[in-house]
Structures are given as C-alpha cells and as structure tokens.
Amino acid sequence: MANRPISTVHRSQSLLVGTQTVKRTVTNVGETETYVVTTRMSPEVALEARPPAMTVLSGASRVVTISLTVRSVTGRYSFGEVLLKGSRGHLVRIPVIAMGFNS
C-alpha cells in the first residue's frame, strides 16, 4: 500500500478550529487485501477515520476520510495516527498532527 503523511498541518491549517475533514487516497501496490481502519490520538483532539474497513484490489485506490475535532485547547501540538491493518499482515500508518485553537 503506497502512503504519504497526512497534510492537515500545512502551516496555514495547523491551527485546528472546530472540526476539519480531509481525504487521503491510498493505493494498493501489492495483492488484494482487506484493511481494518483504526485511530490513535492525543485526548485533546478527537480523530475519526472512515470507512472502518475496506478491501483494496491490487493496483486500485480507495479514499479514507479523516476528521479531527478540537476537544480542548492546550497550546501544544497533538500527535496521533490512522492505522490500516491488512489481512495479509501489512500495517499502514498515516501520521496526524494538529493544534487546537480558539476561533
């Protein structure tokens, strides 16, 4: 599975206000595989990824929708990741970094 880090922290977007949703396209460079999608994130920011599971055919691409919501403003960056665990044992990590900000 080809993967690039999430781009939610462009300098102009690194200060998260409310909820922000981004989409990432992942491409399977191996054999067909089914992935379970989970998230881990610092408690200051809620992180959700959809779909919760997906099958990606060999050579095909799928979109993962990632939403981040500020729970508390700390003045520090929060770190986490979206994890895609494959049925063939592969593990794909999409790093996530955000800083909650009051509008």
N, C-alpha and C. Protein backbone atom coordinates (compact mmCIF):
# COMPACT_ATOMS: atom_id res chain seq x y z
N MET A 1 0.85 -1.16 0.00
CA MET A 1 0.00 0.00 0.00
C MET A 1 0.90 1.23 0.00
N ALA A 2 0.77 2.07 -0.99
CA ALA A 2 1.53 3.32 -1.04
C ALA A 2 0.89 4.31 -0.07
N ASN A 3 1.72 5.12 0.56
CA ASN A 3 1.20 6.01 1.59
C ASN A 3 2.07 7.25 1.70
N ARG A 4 1.42 8.37 1.95
CA ARG A 4 2.11 9.63 2.24
C ARG A 4 1.55 10.19 3.54
N PRO A 5 2.36 10.95 4.30
CA PRO A 5 1.83 11.53 5.54
C PRO A 5 0.64 12.43 5.26
N ILE A 6 -0.24 12.53 6.24
CA ILE A 6 -1.41 13.38 6.11
C ILE A 6 -0.98 14.84 6.05
N SER A 7 -1.69 15.64 5.30
CA SER A 7 -1.29 17.03 5.11
C SER A 7 -2.22 17.99 5.83
N THR A 8 -2.72 17.61 7.00
CA THR A 8 -3.61 18.52 7.72
C THR A 8 -2.85 19.60 8.45
N VAL A 9 -1.55 19.54 8.43
CA VAL A 9 -0.79 20.53 9.17
C VAL A 9 0.05 21.41 8.26
N HIS A 10 -0.50 21.76 7.10
CA HIS A 10 0.12 22.84 6.35
C HIS A 10 0.19 24.02 7.30
N ARG A 11 1.16 24.85 7.19
CA ARG A 11 1.32 25.97 8.13
C ARG A 11 0.01 26.75 8.29
N SER A 12 -0.70 26.98 7.20
CA SER A 12 -1.94 27.75 7.29
C SER A 12 -3.07 26.96 7.92
N GLN A 13 -2.95 25.62 8.03
CA GLN A 13 -4.03 24.80 8.56
C GLN A 13 -3.65 24.10 9.86
N SER A 14 -2.47 24.36 10.38
CA SER A 14 -2.04 23.59 11.55
C SER A 14 -2.82 23.94 12.81
N LEU A 15 -3.45 25.11 12.84
CA LEU A 15 -4.27 25.50 13.98
C LEU A 15 -5.69 25.04 13.71
N LEU A 16 -6.08 24.00 14.39
CA LEU A 16 -7.38 23.36 14.17
C LEU A 16 -8.45 24.08 14.96
N VAL A 17 -9.49 24.54 14.27
CA VAL A 17 -10.64 25.19 14.89
C VAL A 17 -11.86 24.33 14.61
N GLY A 18 -12.57 23.90 15.65
CA GLY A 18 -13.77 23.08 15.45
C GLY A 18 -13.41 21.72 14.89
N THR A 19 -14.01 21.40 13.75
CA THR A 19 -13.77 20.12 13.08
C THR A 19 -13.21 20.37 11.68
N GLN A 20 -12.23 19.59 11.31
CA GLN A 20 -11.67 19.64 9.97
C GLN A 20 -11.66 18.23 9.40
N THR A 21 -12.07 18.10 8.15
CA THR A 21 -12.10 16.80 7.49
C THR A 21 -11.21 16.84 6.26
N VAL A 22 -10.38 15.81 6.12
CA VAL A 22 -9.51 15.68 4.95
C VAL A 22 -9.70 14.28 4.37
N LYS A 23 -9.37 14.14 3.11
CA LYS A 23 -9.45 12.84 2.45
C LYS A 23 -8.06 12.44 1.99
N ARG A 24 -7.75 11.16 2.20
CA ARG A 24 -6.48 10.60 1.75
C ARG A 24 -6.77 9.45 0.81
N THR A 25 -6.05 9.40 -0.28
CA THR A 25 -6.17 8.29 -1.21
C THR A 25 -5.01 7.33 -0.95
N VAL A 26 -5.35 6.06 -0.75
CA VAL A 26 -4.33 5.03 -0.58
C VAL A 26 -4.40 4.10 -1.78
N THR A 27 -3.25 3.65 -2.24
CA THR A 27 -3.17 2.79 -3.42
C THR A 27 -2.48 1.48 -3.05
N ASN A 28 -3.10 0.38 -3.42
CA ASN A 28 -2.54 -0.94 -3.14
C ASN A 28 -1.54 -1.31 -4.22
N VAL A 29 -0.27 -1.46 -3.83
CA VAL A 29 0.78 -1.84 -4.78
C VAL A 29 1.08 -3.33 -4.72
N GLY A 30 0.32 -4.05 -3.89
CA GLY A 30 0.51 -5.50 -3.75
C GLY A 30 -0.74 -6.25 -4.16
N GLU A 31 -0.94 -7.41 -3.54
CA GLU A 31 -2.12 -8.23 -3.82
C GLU A 31 -3.34 -7.66 -3.11
N THR A 32 -4.52 -8.06 -3.58
CA THR A 32 -5.76 -7.62 -2.96
C THR A 32 -5.71 -7.90 -1.46
N GLU A 33 -6.14 -6.90 -0.67
CA GLU A 33 -6.06 -7.03 0.79
C GLU A 33 -7.21 -6.26 1.43
N THR A 34 -7.69 -6.79 2.55
CA THR A 34 -8.73 -6.11 3.32
C THR A 34 -8.08 -5.46 4.52
N TYR A 35 -8.42 -4.20 4.76
CA TYR A 35 -7.83 -3.42 5.85
C TYR A 35 -8.89 -3.02 6.86
N VAL A 36 -8.54 -3.12 8.14
CA VAL A 36 -9.35 -2.57 9.22
C VAL A 36 -8.71 -1.24 9.58
N VAL A 37 -9.54 -0.19 9.66
CA VAL A 37 -9.04 1.17 9.89
C VAL A 37 -9.32 1.57 11.34
N THR A 38 -8.27 1.95 12.07
CA THR A 38 -8.41 2.42 13.45
C THR A 38 -7.61 3.71 13.61
N THR A 39 -7.82 4.39 14.75
CA THR A 39 -7.11 5.64 15.01
C THR A 39 -6.55 5.65 16.42
N ARG A 40 -5.49 6.44 16.60
CA ARG A 40 -4.93 6.74 17.92
C ARG A 40 -4.59 8.23 17.91
N MET A 41 -4.96 8.94 18.99
CA MET A 41 -4.71 10.38 19.01
C MET A 41 -4.63 10.86 20.44
N SER A 42 -3.87 11.93 20.66
CA SER A 42 -3.84 12.58 21.97
C SER A 42 -5.26 12.98 22.34
N PRO A 43 -5.62 12.97 23.64
CA PRO A 43 -7.00 13.21 24.04
C PRO A 43 -7.52 14.62 23.75
N GLU A 44 -6.65 15.57 23.47
CA GLU A 44 -7.10 16.94 23.19
C GLU A 44 -7.83 17.06 21.86
N VAL A 45 -7.61 16.11 20.97
CA VAL A 45 -8.23 16.14 19.64
C VAL A 45 -8.88 14.79 19.37
N ALA A 46 -10.14 14.83 18.94
CA ALA A 46 -10.83 13.59 18.54
C ALA A 46 -10.46 13.29 17.09
N LEU A 47 -10.14 12.04 16.82
CA LEU A 47 -9.75 11.61 15.48
C LEU A 47 -10.65 10.47 15.05
N GLU A 48 -11.25 10.61 13.86
CA GLU A 48 -12.13 9.58 13.32
C GLU A 48 -11.75 9.32 11.87
N ALA A 49 -11.77 8.07 11.46
CA ALA A 49 -11.46 7.70 10.08
C ALA A 49 -12.54 6.77 9.55
N ARG A 50 -12.92 6.98 8.30
CA ARG A 50 -13.94 6.15 7.65
C ARG A 50 -13.48 5.80 6.26
N PRO A 51 -13.79 4.64 5.76
CA PRO A 51 -14.63 3.60 6.34
C PRO A 51 -13.88 2.84 7.43
N PRO A 52 -14.61 2.10 8.28
CA PRO A 52 -13.95 1.32 9.33
C PRO A 52 -13.19 0.11 8.79
N ALA A 53 -13.54 -0.33 7.59
CA ALA A 53 -12.84 -1.44 6.92
C ALA A 53 -13.03 -1.28 5.43
N MET A 54 -12.08 -1.82 4.66
CA MET A 54 -12.18 -1.72 3.20
C MET A 54 -11.30 -2.77 2.55
N THR A 55 -11.74 -3.24 1.40
CA THR A 55 -10.94 -4.14 0.58
C THR A 55 -10.40 -3.32 -0.58
N VAL A 56 -9.09 -3.43 -0.79
CA VAL A 56 -8.44 -2.69 -1.87
C VAL A 56 -7.85 -3.71 -2.83
N LEU A 57 -8.37 -3.72 -4.05
CA LEU A 57 -7.88 -4.64 -5.07
C LEU A 57 -6.46 -4.27 -5.48
N SER A 58 -5.74 -5.23 -6.01
CA SER A 58 -4.38 -5.00 -6.48
C SER A 58 -4.36 -3.87 -7.51
N GLY A 59 -3.55 -2.85 -7.28
CA GLY A 59 -3.43 -1.73 -8.20
C GLY A 59 -4.52 -0.68 -8.05
N ALA A 60 -5.49 -0.92 -7.21
CA ALA A 60 -6.61 0.01 -7.05
C ALA A 60 -6.34 1.00 -5.93
N SER A 61 -7.14 2.05 -5.91
CA SER A 61 -7.06 3.08 -4.86
C SER A 61 -8.39 3.20 -4.15
N ARG A 62 -8.33 3.61 -2.90
CA ARG A 62 -9.53 3.88 -2.08
C ARG A 62 -9.29 5.16 -1.31
N VAL A 63 -10.38 5.82 -0.93
CA VAL A 63 -10.30 7.07 -0.18
C VAL A 63 -10.63 6.80 1.29
N VAL A 64 -9.80 7.34 2.18
CA VAL A 64 -10.05 7.31 3.62
C VAL A 64 -10.39 8.75 4.03
N THR A 65 -11.54 8.93 4.68
CA THR A 65 -11.95 10.25 5.16
C THR A 65 -11.57 10.37 6.63
N ILE A 66 -10.82 11.41 6.94
CA ILE A 66 -10.28 11.60 8.29
C ILE A 66 -10.81 12.91 8.86
N SER A 67 -11.44 12.84 10.04
CA SER A 67 -11.98 14.04 10.69
C SER A 67 -11.29 14.26 12.03
N LEU A 68 -10.91 15.51 12.28
CA LEU A 68 -10.30 15.91 13.55
C LEU A 68 -11.18 16.97 14.19
N THR A 69 -11.44 16.83 15.50
CA THR A 69 -12.26 17.78 16.23
C THR A 69 -11.55 18.19 17.51
N VAL A 70 -11.48 19.51 17.76
CA VAL A 70 -10.85 20.01 18.98
C VAL A 70 -11.71 19.64 20.18
N ARG A 71 -11.08 19.02 21.18
CA ARG A 71 -11.75 18.75 22.46
C ARG A 71 -11.31 19.77 23.51
N SER A 72 -10.02 20.12 23.50
CA SER A 72 -9.52 21.14 24.42
C SER A 72 -8.31 21.83 23.80
N VAL A 73 -8.13 23.10 24.15
CA VAL A 73 -7.04 23.90 23.62
C VAL A 73 -5.91 23.90 24.65
N THR A 74 -4.75 23.41 24.25
CA THR A 74 -3.61 23.30 25.18
C THR A 74 -2.44 24.19 24.79
N GLY A 75 -2.43 24.70 23.56
CA GLY A 75 -1.29 25.48 23.09
C GLY A 75 -0.14 24.61 22.62
N ARG A 76 -0.38 23.29 22.54
CA ARG A 76 0.65 22.34 22.08
C ARG A 76 0.08 21.50 20.95
N TYR A 77 0.98 20.97 20.16
CA TYR A 77 0.55 20.05 19.10
C TYR A 77 0.13 18.72 19.70
N SER A 78 -0.89 18.12 19.10
CA SER A 78 -1.35 16.78 19.45
C SER A 78 -0.92 15.84 18.33
N PHE A 79 -0.49 14.65 18.71
CA PHE A 79 0.03 13.69 17.74
C PHE A 79 -0.80 12.41 17.76
N GLY A 80 -0.96 11.81 16.60
CA GLY A 80 -1.68 10.55 16.51
C GLY A 80 -1.44 9.92 15.15
N GLU A 81 -2.29 8.96 14.83
CA GLU A 81 -2.15 8.28 13.55
C GLU A 81 -3.42 7.53 13.19
N VAL A 82 -3.58 7.35 11.89
CA VAL A 82 -4.61 6.45 11.36
C VAL A 82 -3.87 5.17 11.00
N LEU A 83 -4.38 4.04 11.47
CA LEU A 83 -3.75 2.74 11.21
C LEU A 83 -4.63 1.91 10.30
N LEU A 84 -4.04 1.33 9.28
CA LEU A 84 -4.73 0.40 8.39
C LEU A 84 -4.05 -0.95 8.56
N LYS A 85 -4.75 -1.90 9.18
CA LYS A 85 -4.19 -3.23 9.43
C LYS A 85 -4.73 -4.18 8.38
N GLY A 86 -3.83 -4.75 7.59
CA GLY A 86 -4.22 -5.59 6.47
C GLY A 86 -4.37 -7.06 6.81
N SER A 87 -5.21 -7.73 6.06
CA SER A 87 -5.47 -9.16 6.25
C SER A 87 -4.26 -10.02 5.89
N ARG A 88 -3.30 -9.46 5.18
CA ARG A 88 -2.07 -10.18 4.81
C ARG A 88 -0.91 -9.79 5.72
N GLY A 89 -1.23 -9.07 6.81
CA GLY A 89 -0.20 -8.72 7.78
C GLY A 89 0.43 -7.35 7.59
N HIS A 90 0.03 -6.62 6.57
CA HIS A 90 0.61 -5.29 6.35
C HIS A 90 0.00 -4.28 7.32
N LEU A 91 0.80 -3.29 7.69
CA LEU A 91 0.35 -2.21 8.56
C LEU A 91 0.74 -0.89 7.92
N VAL A 92 -0.25 -0.05 7.66
CA VAL A 92 -0.02 1.26 7.06
C VAL A 92 -0.34 2.31 8.12
N ARG A 93 0.57 3.27 8.30
CA ARG A 93 0.36 4.35 9.27
C ARG A 93 0.29 5.68 8.54
N ILE A 94 -0.72 6.46 8.88
CA ILE A 94 -0.84 7.82 8.37
C ILE A 94 -0.68 8.75 9.58
N PRO A 95 0.48 9.41 9.71
CA PRO A 95 0.69 10.30 10.86
C PRO A 95 -0.27 11.50 10.83
N VAL A 96 -0.70 11.94 12.01
CA VAL A 96 -1.60 13.08 12.14
C VAL A 96 -1.05 14.00 13.22
N ILE A 97 -0.99 15.31 12.91
CA ILE A 97 -0.54 16.31 13.87
C ILE A 97 -1.50 17.50 13.78
N ALA A 98 -1.95 18.00 14.92
CA ALA A 98 -2.85 19.16 14.92
C ALA A 98 -2.71 19.91 16.23
N MET A 99 -3.02 21.21 16.18
CA MET A 99 -3.06 22.02 17.40
C MET A 99 -4.43 22.67 17.49
N GLY A 100 -5.14 22.40 18.58
CA GLY A 100 -6.44 23.02 18.79
C GLY A 100 -6.30 24.51 19.01
N PHE A 101 -7.24 25.29 18.48
CA PHE A 101 -7.15 26.74 18.51
C PHE A 101 -8.54 27.31 18.70
N ASN A 102 -8.68 28.37 19.50
CA ASN A 102 -9.96 29.07 19.64
C ASN A 102 -10.12 30.04 18.49
N SER A 103 -11.31 30.08 17.90
CA SER A 103 -11.53 30.97 16.76
C SER A 103 -11.60 32.42 17.15
